């Protein structure tokens, strides 16, 4: 099989995975309150979702008991891709992103928590996928992942808390794309378990101002699976390697008065680690391929606030600007490139030891022009709508 088909196969098997994690495709929808506040809970969290946002903030849960939280976010992405005069829409689909947390105080200065949430994901399916102009680049890409994270927090001093945790990540990749040289759609499936960690700290600067810092370690993903040319029935084993970046997040939360809490976050993602993706095929016809990506480091900025409207109702609002890490010379149609802006809004009803939060988030992705396989391509009208629901109960 010639070299061009090798590169198509390599891109199909693993380039799709990395394109899932740029900007808005690195999932941050880990609780309805967090969605509405755009993640500005790093300085102060005040609920058990601190397992994700900042494990050190579990020390804010000082009154004992077992804290639980569970819910789901519904995501509906949509965008148009225009190439060779043909404008193609997404074959729209709704994705479910569940989350679950449990934890509490286990000793005088020690807290333990456990969480399940999704850090990465992607879902793109093009209409008329067998015939649209860039079907050879991608026709369908689905990436499902979840993270299991046991964490601990320690009250080191009256003002300083420290946190740490293990991140156990699972990735499942499914992708279809047309291989013109053989006139067949190629179907790729691969998965992997990977391990990383989280370190965090929180410091009470004043009675009303709290600072949080969170570091997430780099994650090495080594998916294994198979690639099949469906028309001719050719199948072979495949394995590869790619890197998920380290990240640093800093956040401030200010309790302005009894009812108003304001927060701000800045996040650095080290995407420059993603220079190439290496892929190996268990076939003398295919061999090994190294596909360039050349991504760059990015920044994400968020602000948020919540106001207690009454004894039982609280309103949440947040804004984010997120920069795109992809390189214009190495783009693809597996996910829409471009910087993005987000707004979230939500409400919490809390009574006694339980609460429920509902949120809506809108993600707008800036229109972008790229050259993909020598074809002038425009990604436009790109957006994602999300709806989140979370229940929390203290026992």
Protein backbone atom coordinates (compact mmCIF):
# COMPACT_ATOMS: atom_id res chain seq x y z
CA UNK A 1 0.00 0.00 0.00
CA UNK A 2 1.44 3.41 -0.97
CA UNK A 3 2.64 6.12 1.39
CA UNK A 4 -0.38 8.40 0.92
CA UNK A 5 -2.71 5.69 2.21
CA UNK A 6 -0.37 5.15 5.17
CA UNK A 7 -0.73 8.81 6.13
CA UNK A 8 -4.51 8.66 5.77
CA UNK A 9 -4.64 5.62 8.04
CA UNK A 10 -2.37 7.24 10.61
CA UNK A 11 -4.46 10.38 10.71
CA UNK A 12 -7.64 8.37 10.98
CA UNK A 13 -6.46 6.29 13.89
CA UNK A 14 -4.93 8.92 16.11
CA UNK A 15 -4.94 12.46 14.78
CA UNK A 16 -8.63 12.45 15.51
CA UNK A 17 -7.88 11.86 19.14
CA UNK A 18 -5.72 14.92 19.57
CA UNK A 19 -8.10 17.17 17.68
CA UNK A 20 -10.68 16.32 20.31
CA UNK A 21 -8.89 18.15 23.07
CA UNK A 22 -8.33 21.66 21.68
CA UNK A 23 -10.09 24.57 23.34
CA UNK A 24 -13.80 23.70 23.77
CA UNK A 25 -13.21 20.01 23.06
CA UNK A 26 -11.26 19.66 26.25
CA UNK A 27 -14.39 19.03 28.32
CA UNK A 28 -14.91 21.19 31.41
CA UNK A 29 -18.56 20.30 32.06
CA UNK A 30 -18.14 18.57 35.41
CA UNK A 31 -21.06 20.01 37.43
CA UNK A 32 -24.05 22.23 36.66
CA UNK A 33 -22.87 24.93 39.08
CA UNK A 34 -19.37 24.77 37.62
CA UNK A 35 -20.80 25.02 34.09
CA UNK A 36 -22.77 28.15 34.94
CA UNK A 37 -19.82 29.76 36.73
CA UNK A 38 -17.44 28.72 33.91
CA UNK A 39 -15.24 26.80 36.33
CA UNK A 40 -14.46 29.77 38.60
CA UNK A 41 -14.44 27.55 41.70
CA UNK A 42 -10.67 27.08 42.01
CA UNK A 43 -10.12 29.63 44.76
CA UNK A 44 -13.17 28.44 46.70
CA UNK A 45 -15.50 25.56 45.79
CA UNK A 46 -17.64 24.93 48.91
CA UNK A 47 -19.05 21.63 47.66
CA UNK A 48 -17.70 18.15 46.91
CA UNK A 49 -16.99 18.98 43.24
CA UNK A 50 -13.74 20.31 44.74
CA UNK A 51 -12.50 16.79 43.87
CA UNK A 52 -12.20 18.14 40.31
CA UNK A 53 -11.88 21.93 40.64
CA UNK A 54 -9.33 21.98 43.50
CA UNK A 55 -8.97 19.00 45.89
CA UNK A 56 -7.47 21.30 48.55
CA UNK A 57 -10.88 23.01 48.82
CA UNK A 58 -12.41 19.88 50.37
CA UNK A 59 -11.18 21.40 53.66
CA UNK A 60 -13.98 23.98 53.31
CA UNK A 61 -16.42 21.16 54.16
CA UNK A 62 -15.71 21.43 57.89
CA UNK A 63 -18.96 20.29 59.49
CA UNK A 64 -18.57 16.55 58.99
CA UNK A 65 -20.84 14.11 57.20
CA UNK A 66 -20.65 12.50 53.79
CA UNK A 67 -21.14 14.76 50.79
CA UNK A 68 -22.48 13.34 47.52
CA UNK A 69 -23.16 14.91 44.12
CA UNK A 70 -24.25 13.43 40.82
CA UNK A 71 -25.64 14.67 37.53
CA UNK A 72 -25.25 14.94 33.78
CA UNK A 73 -24.55 17.52 31.08
CA UNK A 74 -26.16 17.21 27.63
CA UNK A 75 -24.01 18.58 24.79
CA UNK A 76 -25.21 19.36 21.27
CA UNK A 77 -22.41 20.54 18.91
CA UNK A 78 -23.15 21.96 15.46
CA UNK A 79 -21.10 23.61 12.69
CA UNK A 80 -20.84 23.94 8.91
CA UNK A 81 -17.81 23.06 6.79
CA UNK A 82 -17.55 24.55 3.28
CA UNK A 83 -15.17 23.03 0.69
CA UNK A 84 -15.21 23.05 -3.13
CA UNK A 85 -18.42 25.05 -3.07
CA UNK A 86 -20.29 22.50 -0.95
CA UNK A 87 -21.52 23.52 2.53
CA UNK A 88 -22.01 20.52 4.76
CA UNK A 89 -23.73 20.50 8.16
CA UNK A 90 -23.09 18.29 11.13
CA UNK A 91 -25.34 15.27 11.46
CA UNK A 92 -26.50 16.56 14.84
CA UNK A 93 -26.29 14.33 17.89
CA UNK A 94 -26.70 14.87 21.63
CA UNK A 95 -23.94 13.57 23.90
CA UNK A 96 -24.22 12.72 27.60
CA UNK A 97 -21.46 13.72 30.03
CA UNK A 98 -22.13 12.31 33.54
CA UNK A 99 -20.40 13.30 36.79
CA UNK A 100 -20.35 11.89 40.32
CA UNK A 101 -18.55 12.90 43.54
CA UNK A 102 -18.48 11.63 47.11
CA UNK A 103 -16.28 12.50 50.09
CA UNK A 104 -15.90 14.06 53.51
CA UNK A 105 -13.70 14.56 56.54
CA UNK A 106 -11.93 11.40 57.74
CA UNK A 107 -9.60 12.79 60.45
CA UNK A 108 -8.88 16.02 62.32
CA UNK A 109 -7.02 17.62 59.38
CA UNK A 110 -7.65 15.13 56.57
CA UNK A 111 -10.39 14.83 53.90
CA UNK A 112 -10.95 12.15 51.26
CA UNK A 113 -12.94 12.37 48.03
CA UNK A 114 -13.64 10.40 44.88
CA UNK A 115 -14.90 11.64 41.54
CA UNK A 116 -15.96 10.43 38.10
CA UNK A 117 -16.07 12.98 35.27
CA UNK A 118 -15.01 13.49 31.63
CA UNK A 119 -11.99 15.61 30.74
CA UNK A 120 -11.96 14.97 26.97
CA UNK A 121 -14.46 14.16 24.25
CA UNK A 122 -15.51 14.71 20.65
CA UNK A 123 -18.43 13.88 18.37
CA UNK A 124 -18.52 14.85 14.68
CA UNK A 125 -20.62 13.20 11.94
CA UNK A 126 -21.02 14.82 8.53
CA UNK A 127 -24.20 14.61 6.47
CA UNK A 128 -23.85 12.61 3.22
CA UNK A 129 -20.58 11.39 4.64
CA UNK A 130 -19.82 9.03 1.74
CA UNK A 131 -19.86 11.79 -0.87
CA UNK A 132 -18.94 15.11 0.73
CA UNK A 133 -15.69 16.68 -0.63
CA UNK A 134 -13.50 16.04 2.43
CA UNK A 135 -14.74 12.56 3.33
CA UNK A 136 -11.14 11.41 2.89
CA UNK A 137 -10.17 13.65 5.79
CA UNK A 138 -12.99 12.56 8.12
CA UNK A 139 -16.59 11.39 7.93
CA UNK A 140 -17.21 10.51 11.57
CA UNK A 141 -15.15 10.84 14.74
CA UNK A 142 -16.35 9.81 18.19
CA UNK A 143 -14.15 10.01 21.27
CA UNK A 144 -15.48 8.98 24.67
CA UNK A 145 -13.45 9.30 27.84
CA UNK A 146 -13.91 9.36 31.58
CA UNK A 147 -11.67 9.96 34.58
CA UNK A 148 -11.75 8.21 37.96
CA UNK A 149 -10.03 10.30 40.63
CA UNK A 150 -9.45 9.47 44.31
CA UNK A 151 -8.20 12.60 46.11
CA UNK A 152 -7.07 13.78 49.54
CA UNK A 153 -6.87 17.20 51.22
CA UNK A 154 -4.85 18.28 54.24
CA UNK A 155 -5.38 21.37 56.40
CA UNK A 156 -1.68 22.25 56.75
CA UNK A 157 -2.22 25.51 58.67
CA UNK A 158 -5.19 27.66 59.60
CA UNK A 159 -4.99 29.42 56.20
CA UNK A 160 -3.23 26.87 53.93
CA UNK A 161 -4.76 23.68 52.50
CA UNK A 162 -3.03 21.16 50.22
CA UNK A 163 -4.58 18.55 47.93
CA UNK A 164 -3.50 15.68 45.70
CA UNK A 165 -5.10 12.95 43.65
CA UNK A 166 -4.70 10.18 41.10
CA UNK A 167 -6.31 10.48 37.65
CA UNK A 168 -7.21 7.18 35.97
CA UNK A 169 -8.34 7.98 32.41
CA UNK A 170 -10.09 5.78 29.84
CA UNK A 171 -10.21 6.67 26.12
CA UNK A 172 -12.34 5.07 23.41
CA UNK A 173 -11.90 6.24 19.79
CA UNK A 174 -14.16 5.41 16.83
CA UNK A 175 -13.62 6.93 13.41
CA UNK A 176 -14.77 6.57 9.79
CA UNK A 177 -13.19 8.14 6.70
CA UNK A 178 -13.12 7.45 2.98
CA UNK A 179 -9.97 5.97 1.39
CA UNK A 180 -10.22 7.10 -2.27
CA UNK A 181 -7.38 4.88 -3.51
CA UNK A 182 -9.39 1.75 -2.72
CA UNK A 183 -12.90 3.23 -2.84
CA UNK A 184 -13.68 2.09 0.69
CA UNK A 185 -14.68 3.65 3.98
CA UNK A 186 -12.18 2.92 6.72
CA UNK A 187 -13.43 2.14 10.24
CA UNK A 188 -11.02 2.58 13.16
CA UNK A 189 -11.55 1.58 16.80
CA UNK A 190 -8.95 1.92 19.57
CA UNK A 191 -8.87 2.40 23.34
CA UNK A 192 -6.52 2.76 26.29
CA UNK A 193 -6.29 3.28 30.06
CA UNK A 194 -3.81 5.96 31.18
CA UNK A 195 -2.67 7.42 34.50
CA UNK A 196 -1.76 10.88 35.72
CA UNK A 197 -2.13 13.03 38.84
CA UNK A 198 -3.37 16.33 40.24
CA UNK A 199 -1.72 18.58 42.84
CA UNK A 200 -3.36 21.63 44.37
CA UNK A 201 -3.26 24.28 47.08
CA UNK A 202 -5.62 26.89 48.51
CA UNK A 203 -4.71 29.87 50.68
CA UNK A 204 -7.03 32.16 52.62
CA UNK A 205 -5.52 35.58 51.82
CA UNK A 206 -8.08 37.54 53.86
CA UNK A 207 -11.40 36.79 55.52
CA UNK A 208 -13.13 37.26 52.14
CA UNK A 209 -10.45 36.47 49.52
CA UNK A 210 -9.15 32.96 48.74
CA UNK A 211 -6.53 31.86 46.18
CA UNK A 212 -6.33 28.42 44.55
CA UNK A 213 -3.67 26.73 42.41
CA UNK A 214 -4.08 23.44 40.52
CA UNK A 215 -1.53 21.46 38.51
CA UNK A 216 -2.56 18.54 36.28
CA UNK A 217 0.24 16.30 35.05
CA UNK A 218 0.97 15.28 31.47
CA UNK A 219 -0.77 12.09 30.35
CA UNK A 220 0.67 9.56 27.90
CA UNK A 221 -2.00 7.81 25.82
CA UNK A 222 -1.13 4.57 23.98
CA UNK A 223 -4.34 3.39 22.27
CA UNK A 224 -4.53 -0.07 20.72
CA UNK A 225 -7.16 -1.38 18.33
CA UNK A 226 -7.69 -2.15 14.67
CA UNK A 227 -8.27 -0.46 11.31
CA UNK A 228 -10.60 -2.00 8.72
CA UNK A 229 -11.21 -1.14 5.07
CA UNK A 230 -14.87 -2.11 5.09
CA UNK A 231 -15.43 -2.64 1.34
CA UNK A 232 -12.55 -5.09 0.87
CA UNK A 233 -12.60 -6.52 4.39
CA UNK A 234 -8.92 -5.76 5.04
CA UNK A 235 -8.14 -5.46 8.76
CA UNK A 236 -4.98 -5.09 10.84
CA UNK A 237 -3.95 -4.31 14.40
CA UNK A 238 -2.79 -0.78 15.19
CA UNK A 239 -1.17 0.98 18.11
CA UNK A 240 0.16 4.47 18.68
CA UNK A 241 1.18 7.13 21.16
CA UNK A 242 0.12 10.71 21.88
CA UNK A 243 0.48 13.10 24.78
CA UNK A 244 -2.12 15.04 26.73
CA UNK A 245 -0.59 18.24 28.12
CA UNK A 246 0.20 19.37 31.60
CA UNK A 247 -1.85 22.35 32.78
CA UNK A 248 -1.71 25.01 35.49
CA UNK A 249 -4.81 26.81 36.76
CA UNK A 250 -4.96 29.74 39.17
CA UNK A 251 -8.17 31.10 40.62
CA UNK A 252 -9.38 33.80 43.02
CA UNK A 253 -12.73 33.89 44.80
CA UNK A 254 -13.98 36.95 46.66
CA UNK A 255 -16.94 36.83 49.03
CA UNK A 256 -18.02 40.42 48.41
CA UNK A 257 -20.87 40.23 50.93
CA UNK A 258 -23.18 37.64 52.48
CA UNK A 259 -24.99 37.07 49.17
CA UNK A 260 -22.45 37.77 46.40
CA UNK A 261 -19.44 35.59 45.50
CA UNK A 262 -17.17 36.50 42.56
CA UNK A 263 -14.47 34.37 40.94
CA UNK A 264 -11.82 34.50 38.21
CA UNK A 265 -9.58 31.81 36.67
CA UNK A 266 -6.65 31.72 34.28
CA UNK A 267 -5.49 28.38 32.83
CA UNK A 268 -2.33 27.52 30.89
CA UNK A 269 -2.37 24.32 28.77
CA UNK A 270 0.96 23.00 27.50
CA UNK A 271 -0.26 21.83 24.07
CA UNK A 272 3.17 22.35 22.51
CA UNK A 273 3.93 18.79 23.64
CA UNK A 274 1.74 17.65 20.75
CA UNK A 275 4.20 17.95 17.85
CA UNK A 276 3.63 14.59 16.15
CA UNK A 277 1.53 11.46 16.51
CA UNK A 278 3.25 8.14 15.97
CA UNK A 279 1.29 5.16 14.64
CA UNK A 280 2.35 1.56 14.03
CA UNK A 281 0.46 -1.06 12.00
CA UNK A 282 0.85 -4.80 12.34
CA UNK A 283 1.15 -5.18 8.57
CA UNK A 284 4.14 -5.13 6.18
CA UNK A 285 2.02 -3.04 3.79
CA UNK A 286 1.48 -0.23 6.28
CA UNK A 287 4.53 -0.06 8.55
CA UNK A 288 4.89 3.04 10.76
CA UNK A 289 3.86 6.65 10.26
CA UNK A 290 4.61 9.89 12.13
CA UNK A 291 1.96 12.57 11.50
CA UNK A 292 2.83 16.24 12.28
CA UNK A 293 0.50 18.31 14.46
CA UNK A 294 2.62 21.27 15.69
CA UNK A 295 0.14 22.51 18.30
CA UNK A 296 0.98 25.47 20.57
CA UNK A 297 0.39 26.33 24.23
CA UNK A 298 -2.88 28.11 25.01
CA UNK A 299 -4.56 30.28 27.64
CA UNK A 300 -8.13 30.20 28.93
CA UNK A 301 -9.67 33.10 30.90
CA UNK A 302 -12.90 32.87 32.91
CA UNK A 303 -14.92 35.10 35.25
CA UNK A 304 -18.04 34.20 37.18
CA UNK A 305 -20.33 35.19 39.98
CA UNK A 306 -23.24 33.90 42.04
CA UNK A 307 -25.86 35.78 44.00
CA UNK A 308 -28.16 34.35 46.69
CA UNK A 309 -31.54 35.68 45.58
CA UNK A 310 -33.44 34.24 48.54
CA UNK A 311 -33.03 31.76 51.38
CA UNK A 312 -33.31 28.83 48.95
CA UNK A 313 -32.48 30.26 45.48
CA UNK A 314 -29.04 31.20 44.08
CA UNK A 315 -28.28 32.51 40.58
CA UNK A 316 -24.98 31.77 38.77
CA UNK A 317 -23.38 33.44 35.73
CA UNK A 318 -19.99 33.01 33.99
CA UNK A 319 -17.99 34.00 30.88
CA UNK A 320 -14.94 32.39 29.20
CA UNK A 321 -12.56 33.12 26.34
CA UNK A 322 -10.64 30.03 25.18
CA UNK A 323 -7.80 30.03 22.62
CA UNK A 324 -7.43 27.38 19.89
CA UNK A 325 -4.19 25.31 20.05
CA UNK A 326 -4.29 23.85 16.53
CA UNK A 327 -1.81 24.79 13.80
CA UNK A 328 -3.23 26.33 10.61
CA UNK A 329 -0.84 24.30 8.42
CA UNK A 330 -1.92 20.97 9.95
CA UNK A 331 -5.70 21.28 10.25
CA UNK A 332 -8.42 18.68 9.72
CA UNK A 333 -12.21 18.43 9.68
CA UNK A 334 -12.51 16.20 12.74
CA UNK A 335 -13.35 19.17 14.96
CA UNK A 336 -13.89 22.87 14.22
CA UNK A 337 -10.78 25.02 14.76
CA UNK A 338 -10.99 28.56 16.10
CA UNK A 339 -11.01 30.51 19.34
CA UNK A 340 -14.23 30.35 21.30
CA UNK A 341 -16.34 32.36 23.70
CA UNK A 342 -18.69 30.83 26.27
CA UNK A 343 -21.47 32.04 28.54
CA UNK A 344 -23.12 30.03 31.27
CA UNK A 345 -26.17 30.73 33.42
CA UNK A 346 -27.79 28.61 36.13
CA UNK A 347 -29.94 28.43 39.26
CA UNK A 348 -29.64 26.39 42.45
CA UNK A 349 -32.48 25.44 44.77
CA UNK A 350 -31.10 24.38 48.18
CA UNK A 351 -33.04 23.25 51.24
CA UNK A 352 -31.83 21.47 54.38
CA UNK A 353 -29.10 19.00 53.30
CA UNK A 354 -29.89 18.73 49.59
CA UNK A 355 -29.81 20.91 46.48
CA UNK A 356 -30.48 20.80 42.74
CA UNK A 357 -28.78 22.98 40.09
CA UNK A 358 -29.81 23.53 36.48
CA UNK A 359 -27.63 25.36 33.96
CA UNK A 360 -27.48 26.32 30.28
CA UNK A 361 -24.23 27.11 28.43
CA UNK A 362 -23.66 28.48 24.93
CA UNK A 363 -20.29 28.08 23.18
CA UNK A 364 -19.58 30.25 20.12
CA UNK A 365 -16.60 29.22 17.94
CA UNK A 366 -15.09 31.92 15.73
CA UNK A 367 -15.34 31.43 11.94
CA UNK A 368 -12.05 30.09 10.56
CA UNK A 369 -10.47 29.53 7.13
CA UNK A 370 -7.98 26.69 6.68
CA UNK A 371 -6.35 24.73 3.85
CA UNK A 372 -7.00 21.01 4.31
CA UNK A 373 -5.42 18.56 1.86
CA UNK A 374 -4.85 21.50 -0.51
CA UNK A 375 -8.54 22.54 -0.39
CA UNK A 376 -9.67 25.98 0.83
CA UNK A 377 -12.00 25.18 3.72
CA UNK A 378 -14.17 27.38 5.90
CA UNK A 379 -15.65 26.38 9.26
CA UNK A 380 -18.62 28.59 10.12
CA UNK A 381 -21.69 28.86 12.35
CA UNK A 382 -19.95 26.66 14.90
CA UNK A 383 -21.63 26.40 18.28
CA UNK A 384 -22.33 24.03 21.13
CA UNK A 385 -25.37 24.16 23.40
CA UNK A 386 -25.23 22.39 26.75
CA UNK A 387 -27.76 21.73 29.50
CA UNK A 388 -26.62 20.51 32.89
CA UNK A 389 -28.42 19.08 35.93
CA UNK A 390 -26.81 18.22 39.27
CA UNK A 391 -28.23 16.86 42.53
CA UNK A 392 -26.31 17.13 45.80
CA UNK A 393 -27.06 15.55 49.17
CA UNK A 394 -25.26 15.53 52.51
CA UNK A 395 -25.64 12.50 54.79
